[in-house]
């Protein structure tokens, strides 16, 4: 019975949160909450040594941010964002080349994708969001 109650609370969480923040897309809310409570999120400022290590890891693994995350001890999105910062906002083609890839999938994994209408979707459809 306790497990069912917990499950109901988790299912109600996302719609209630989305209702409280109607100006924000549910996906943005979900990612904010995920980052906020991730144990690798608050690691302080990036050091020169970490930047060098990140560059070596991207050269070795390409834009495999979750794998790089494990080695860096930082969130994959933080590694991706730092890589973008290091690269100075390079174009899609340059990101692919720098990451050792040649496909649109590599650029997409690097986070270089065009926004879509679905990324701006507001609503309570949370069927694709985790339940806890």
C-alpha atoms as a PDB file:
ATOM      1  CA  UNK A   1       0.000   0.000   0.000  1.00  0.00           C
ATOM      2  CA  UNK A   2       2.866   2.382   0.818  1.00  0.00           C
ATOM      3  CA  UNK A   3       4.462   1.716  -2.567  1.00  0.00           C
ATOM      4  CA  UNK A   4       1.190   2.584  -4.337  1.00  0.00           C
ATOM      5  CA  UNK A   5       0.911   5.845  -2.398  1.00  0.00           C
ATOM      6  CA  UNK A   6       4.469   6.777  -3.332  1.00  0.00           C
ATOM      7  CA  UNK A   7       3.793   5.943  -6.961  1.00  0.00           C
ATOM      8  CA  UNK A   8       0.700   8.186  -6.954  1.00  0.00           C
ATOM      9  CA  UNK A   9       2.697  11.058  -5.464  1.00  0.00           C
ATOM     10  CA  UNK A  10       5.396  10.666  -8.144  1.00  0.00           C
ATOM     11  CA  UNK A  11       2.810  10.569 -10.937  1.00  0.00           C
ATOM     12  CA  UNK A  12       1.127  13.712  -9.626  1.00  0.00           C
ATOM     13  CA  UNK A  13       4.416  15.584  -9.215  1.00  0.00           C
ATOM     14  CA  UNK A  14       5.079  16.542 -12.861  1.00  0.00           C
ATOM     15  CA  UNK A  15       1.547  17.719 -13.751  1.00  0.00           C
ATOM     16  CA  UNK A  16       1.324  19.743 -10.532  1.00  0.00           C
ATOM     17  CA  UNK A  17       4.711  21.315 -11.154  1.00  0.00           C
ATOM     18  CA  UNK A  18       3.806  22.109 -14.784  1.00  0.00           C
ATOM     19  CA  UNK A  19       0.556  23.706 -13.613  1.00  0.00           C
ATOM     20  CA  UNK A  20       2.478  25.910 -11.171  1.00  0.00           C
ATOM     21  CA  UNK A  21       4.822  27.064 -13.967  1.00  0.00           C
ATOM     22  CA  UNK A  22       2.537  27.477 -17.010  1.00  0.00           C
ATOM     23  CA  UNK A  23       5.042  29.653 -18.881  1.00  0.00           C
ATOM     24  CA  UNK A  24       7.663  26.880 -18.886  1.00  0.00           C
ATOM     25  CA  UNK A  25       7.673  23.801 -21.131  1.00  0.00           C
ATOM     26  CA  UNK A  26       7.455  20.553 -19.181  1.00  0.00           C
ATOM     27  CA  UNK A  27      10.720  19.356 -20.705  1.00  0.00           C
ATOM     28  CA  UNK A  28      12.532  22.450 -19.378  1.00  0.00           C
ATOM     29  CA  UNK A  29      11.052  21.872 -15.918  1.00  0.00           C
ATOM     30  CA  UNK A  30      12.076  18.211 -15.948  1.00  0.00           C
ATOM     31  CA  UNK A  31      15.662  18.990 -16.974  1.00  0.00           C
ATOM     32  CA  UNK A  32      15.951  21.770 -14.391  1.00  0.00           C
ATOM     33  CA  UNK A  33      14.823  19.445 -11.583  1.00  0.00           C
ATOM     34  CA  UNK A  34      17.143  16.690 -12.813  1.00  0.00           C
ATOM     35  CA  UNK A  35      20.131  19.055 -12.836  1.00  0.00           C
ATOM     36  CA  UNK A  36      19.214  20.612  -9.491  1.00  0.00           C
ATOM     37  CA  UNK A  37      19.357  17.295  -7.625  1.00  0.00           C
ATOM     38  CA  UNK A  38      22.096  15.477  -9.560  1.00  0.00           C
ATOM     39  CA  UNK A  39      25.104  14.713  -7.303  1.00  0.00           C
ATOM     40  CA  UNK A  40      27.619  15.741 -10.002  1.00  0.00           C
ATOM     41  CA  UNK A  41      25.990  19.099 -10.728  1.00  0.00           C
ATOM     42  CA  UNK A  42      27.756  21.346  -8.236  1.00  0.00           C
ATOM     43  CA  UNK A  43      31.470  20.766  -8.745  1.00  0.00           C
ATOM     44  CA  UNK A  44      32.662  24.375  -8.790  1.00  0.00           C
ATOM     45  CA  UNK A  45      34.429  26.304 -11.524  1.00  0.00           C
ATOM     46  CA  UNK A  46      36.191  24.412 -14.275  1.00  0.00           C
ATOM     47  CA  UNK A  47      39.973  24.344 -13.929  1.00  0.00           C
ATOM     48  CA  UNK A  48      42.493  24.520 -16.760  1.00  0.00           C
ATOM     49  CA  UNK A  49      43.396  20.905 -15.999  1.00  0.00           C
ATOM     50  CA  UNK A  50      39.764  19.840 -16.334  1.00  0.00           C
ATOM     51  CA  UNK A  51      39.485  21.692 -19.644  1.00  0.00           C
ATOM     52  CA  UNK A  52      42.553  19.834 -20.926  1.00  0.00           C
ATOM     53  CA  UNK A  53      41.181  16.513 -19.695  1.00  0.00           C
ATOM     54  CA  UNK A  54      37.798  17.252 -21.312  1.00  0.00           C
ATOM     55  CA  UNK A  55      39.517  17.976 -24.631  1.00  0.00           C
ATOM     56  CA  UNK A  56      41.412  14.663 -24.430  1.00  0.00           C
ATOM     57  CA  UNK A  57      38.237  12.743 -23.578  1.00  0.00           C
ATOM     58  CA  UNK A  58      36.275  14.301 -26.456  1.00  0.00           C
ATOM     59  CA  UNK A  59      39.158  13.450 -28.800  1.00  0.00           C
ATOM     60  CA  UNK A  60      39.076   9.847 -27.526  1.00  0.00           C
ATOM     61  CA  UNK A  61      35.303   9.289 -27.220  1.00  0.00           C
ATOM     62  CA  UNK A  62      33.699  11.912 -29.440  1.00  0.00           C
ATOM     63  CA  UNK A  63      30.624  13.580 -28.001  1.00  0.00           C
ATOM     64  CA  UNK A  64      29.682  10.627 -25.747  1.00  0.00           C
ATOM     65  CA  UNK A  65      28.758  12.979 -22.900  1.00  0.00           C
ATOM     66  CA  UNK A  66      27.521  10.355 -20.443  1.00  0.00           C
ATOM     67  CA  UNK A  67      30.729   8.326 -20.809  1.00  0.00           C
ATOM     68  CA  UNK A  68      32.787  11.499 -20.465  1.00  0.00           C
ATOM     69  CA  UNK A  69      30.650  12.461 -17.465  1.00  0.00           C
ATOM     70  CA  UNK A  70      31.671   9.297 -15.636  1.00  0.00           C
ATOM     71  CA  UNK A  71      35.359  10.052 -16.128  1.00  0.00           C
ATOM     72  CA  UNK A  72      35.056  13.760 -15.319  1.00  0.00           C
ATOM     73  CA  UNK A  73      32.792  13.427 -12.270  1.00  0.00           C
ATOM     74  CA  UNK A  74      30.499  16.099 -13.715  1.00  0.00           C
ATOM     75  CA  UNK A  75      27.096  15.933 -15.389  1.00  0.00           C
ATOM     76  CA  UNK A  76      27.114  15.052 -19.076  1.00  0.00           C
ATOM     77  CA  UNK A  77      25.235  18.252 -19.906  1.00  0.00           C
ATOM     78  CA  UNK A  78      27.844  20.271 -17.993  1.00  0.00           C
ATOM     79  CA  UNK A  79      30.626  18.569 -19.964  1.00  0.00           C
ATOM     80  CA  UNK A  80      28.794  19.256 -23.218  1.00  0.00           C
ATOM     81  CA  UNK A  81      28.231  22.905 -22.297  1.00  0.00           C
ATOM     82  CA  UNK A  82      31.854  23.354 -21.263  1.00  0.00           C
ATOM     83  CA  UNK A  83      32.981  21.783 -24.539  1.00  0.00           C
ATOM     84  CA  UNK A  84      30.797  24.280 -26.408  1.00  0.00           C
ATOM     85  CA  UNK A  85      32.337  27.103 -24.380  1.00  0.00           C
ATOM     86  CA  UNK A  86      35.867  25.886 -25.121  1.00  0.00           C
ATOM     87  CA  UNK A  87      35.044  25.635 -28.807  1.00  0.00           C
ATOM     88  CA  UNK A  88      33.647  29.171 -28.855  1.00  0.00           C
ATOM     89  CA  UNK A  89      30.260  28.274 -30.309  1.00  0.00           C
ATOM     90  CA  UNK A  90      31.603  26.500 -33.375  1.00  0.00           C
ATOM     91  CA  UNK A  91      29.297  25.586 -36.219  1.00  0.00           C
ATOM     92  CA  UNK A  92      27.662  22.170 -36.586  1.00  0.00           C
ATOM     93  CA  UNK A  93      30.292  21.123 -39.127  1.00  0.00           C
ATOM     94  CA  UNK A  94      33.189  22.178 -36.928  1.00  0.00           C
ATOM     95  CA  UNK A  95      31.742  20.436 -33.865  1.00  0.00           C
ATOM     96  CA  UNK A  96      31.461  17.191 -35.834  1.00  0.00           C
ATOM     97  CA  UNK A  97      35.026  17.484 -37.074  1.00  0.00           C
ATOM     98  CA  UNK A  98      36.387  18.397 -33.626  1.00  0.00           C
ATOM     99  CA  UNK A  99      34.530  15.489 -32.058  1.00  0.00           C
ATOM    100  CA  UNK A 100      35.872  13.068 -34.657  1.00  0.00           C
ATOM    101  CA  UNK A 101      32.456  12.366 -36.163  1.00  0.00           C
ATOM    102  CA  UNK A 102      30.990  12.932 -39.569  1.00  0.00           C
ATOM    103  CA  UNK A 103      27.281  12.353 -39.129  1.00  0.00           C
ATOM    104  CA  UNK A 104      24.356  14.481 -38.067  1.00  0.00           C
ATOM    105  CA  UNK A 105      23.925  12.027 -35.185  1.00  0.00           C
ATOM    106  CA  UNK A 106      27.312  13.063 -33.786  1.00  0.00           C
ATOM    107  CA  UNK A 107      26.339  16.716 -33.997  1.00  0.00           C
ATOM    108  CA  UNK A 108      22.992  15.971 -32.373  1.00  0.00           C
ATOM    109  CA  UNK A 109      24.716  14.096 -29.552  1.00  0.00           C
ATOM    110  CA  UNK A 110      26.996  17.088 -29.138  1.00  0.00           C
ATOM    111  CA  UNK A 111      23.857  19.121 -28.582  1.00  0.00           C
ATOM    112  CA  UNK A 112      24.044  20.990 -31.875  1.00  0.00           C
ATOM    113  CA  UNK A 113      20.515  20.584 -33.146  1.00  0.00           C
ATOM    114  CA  UNK A 114      17.929  22.903 -34.558  1.00  0.00           C
ATOM    115  CA  UNK A 115      15.042  23.597 -32.184  1.00  0.00           C
ATOM    116  CA  UNK A 116      11.759  21.928 -33.023  1.00  0.00           C
ATOM    117  CA  UNK A 117       8.203  22.841 -32.243  1.00  0.00           C
ATOM    118  CA  UNK A 118       7.977  19.880 -29.864  1.00  0.00           C
ATOM    119  CA  UNK A 119      10.746  21.383 -27.721  1.00  0.00           C
ATOM    120  CA  UNK A 120       8.405  24.280 -27.019  1.00  0.00           C
ATOM    121  CA  UNK A 121       5.421  22.093 -26.128  1.00  0.00           C
ATOM    122  CA  UNK A 122       3.464  23.207 -23.098  1.00  0.00           C
ATOM    123  CA  UNK A 123       1.154  20.705 -21.533  1.00  0.00           C
ATOM    124  CA  UNK A 124       0.626  17.975 -19.045  1.00  0.00           C
ATOM    125  CA  UNK A 125       1.439  15.024 -21.321  1.00  0.00           C
ATOM    126  CA  UNK A 126       4.132  13.391 -19.225  1.00  0.00           C
ATOM    127  CA  UNK A 127       3.866   9.912 -20.664  1.00  0.00           C
ATOM    128  CA  UNK A 128       7.520  10.020 -21.742  1.00  0.00           C
ATOM    129  CA  UNK A 129       8.785  11.438 -18.444  1.00  0.00           C
ATOM    130  CA  UNK A 130      10.029   9.111 -15.699  1.00  0.00           C
ATOM    131  CA  UNK A 131       7.760   8.364 -12.771  1.00  0.00           C
ATOM    132  CA  UNK A 132      10.432   8.714 -10.172  1.00  0.00           C
END
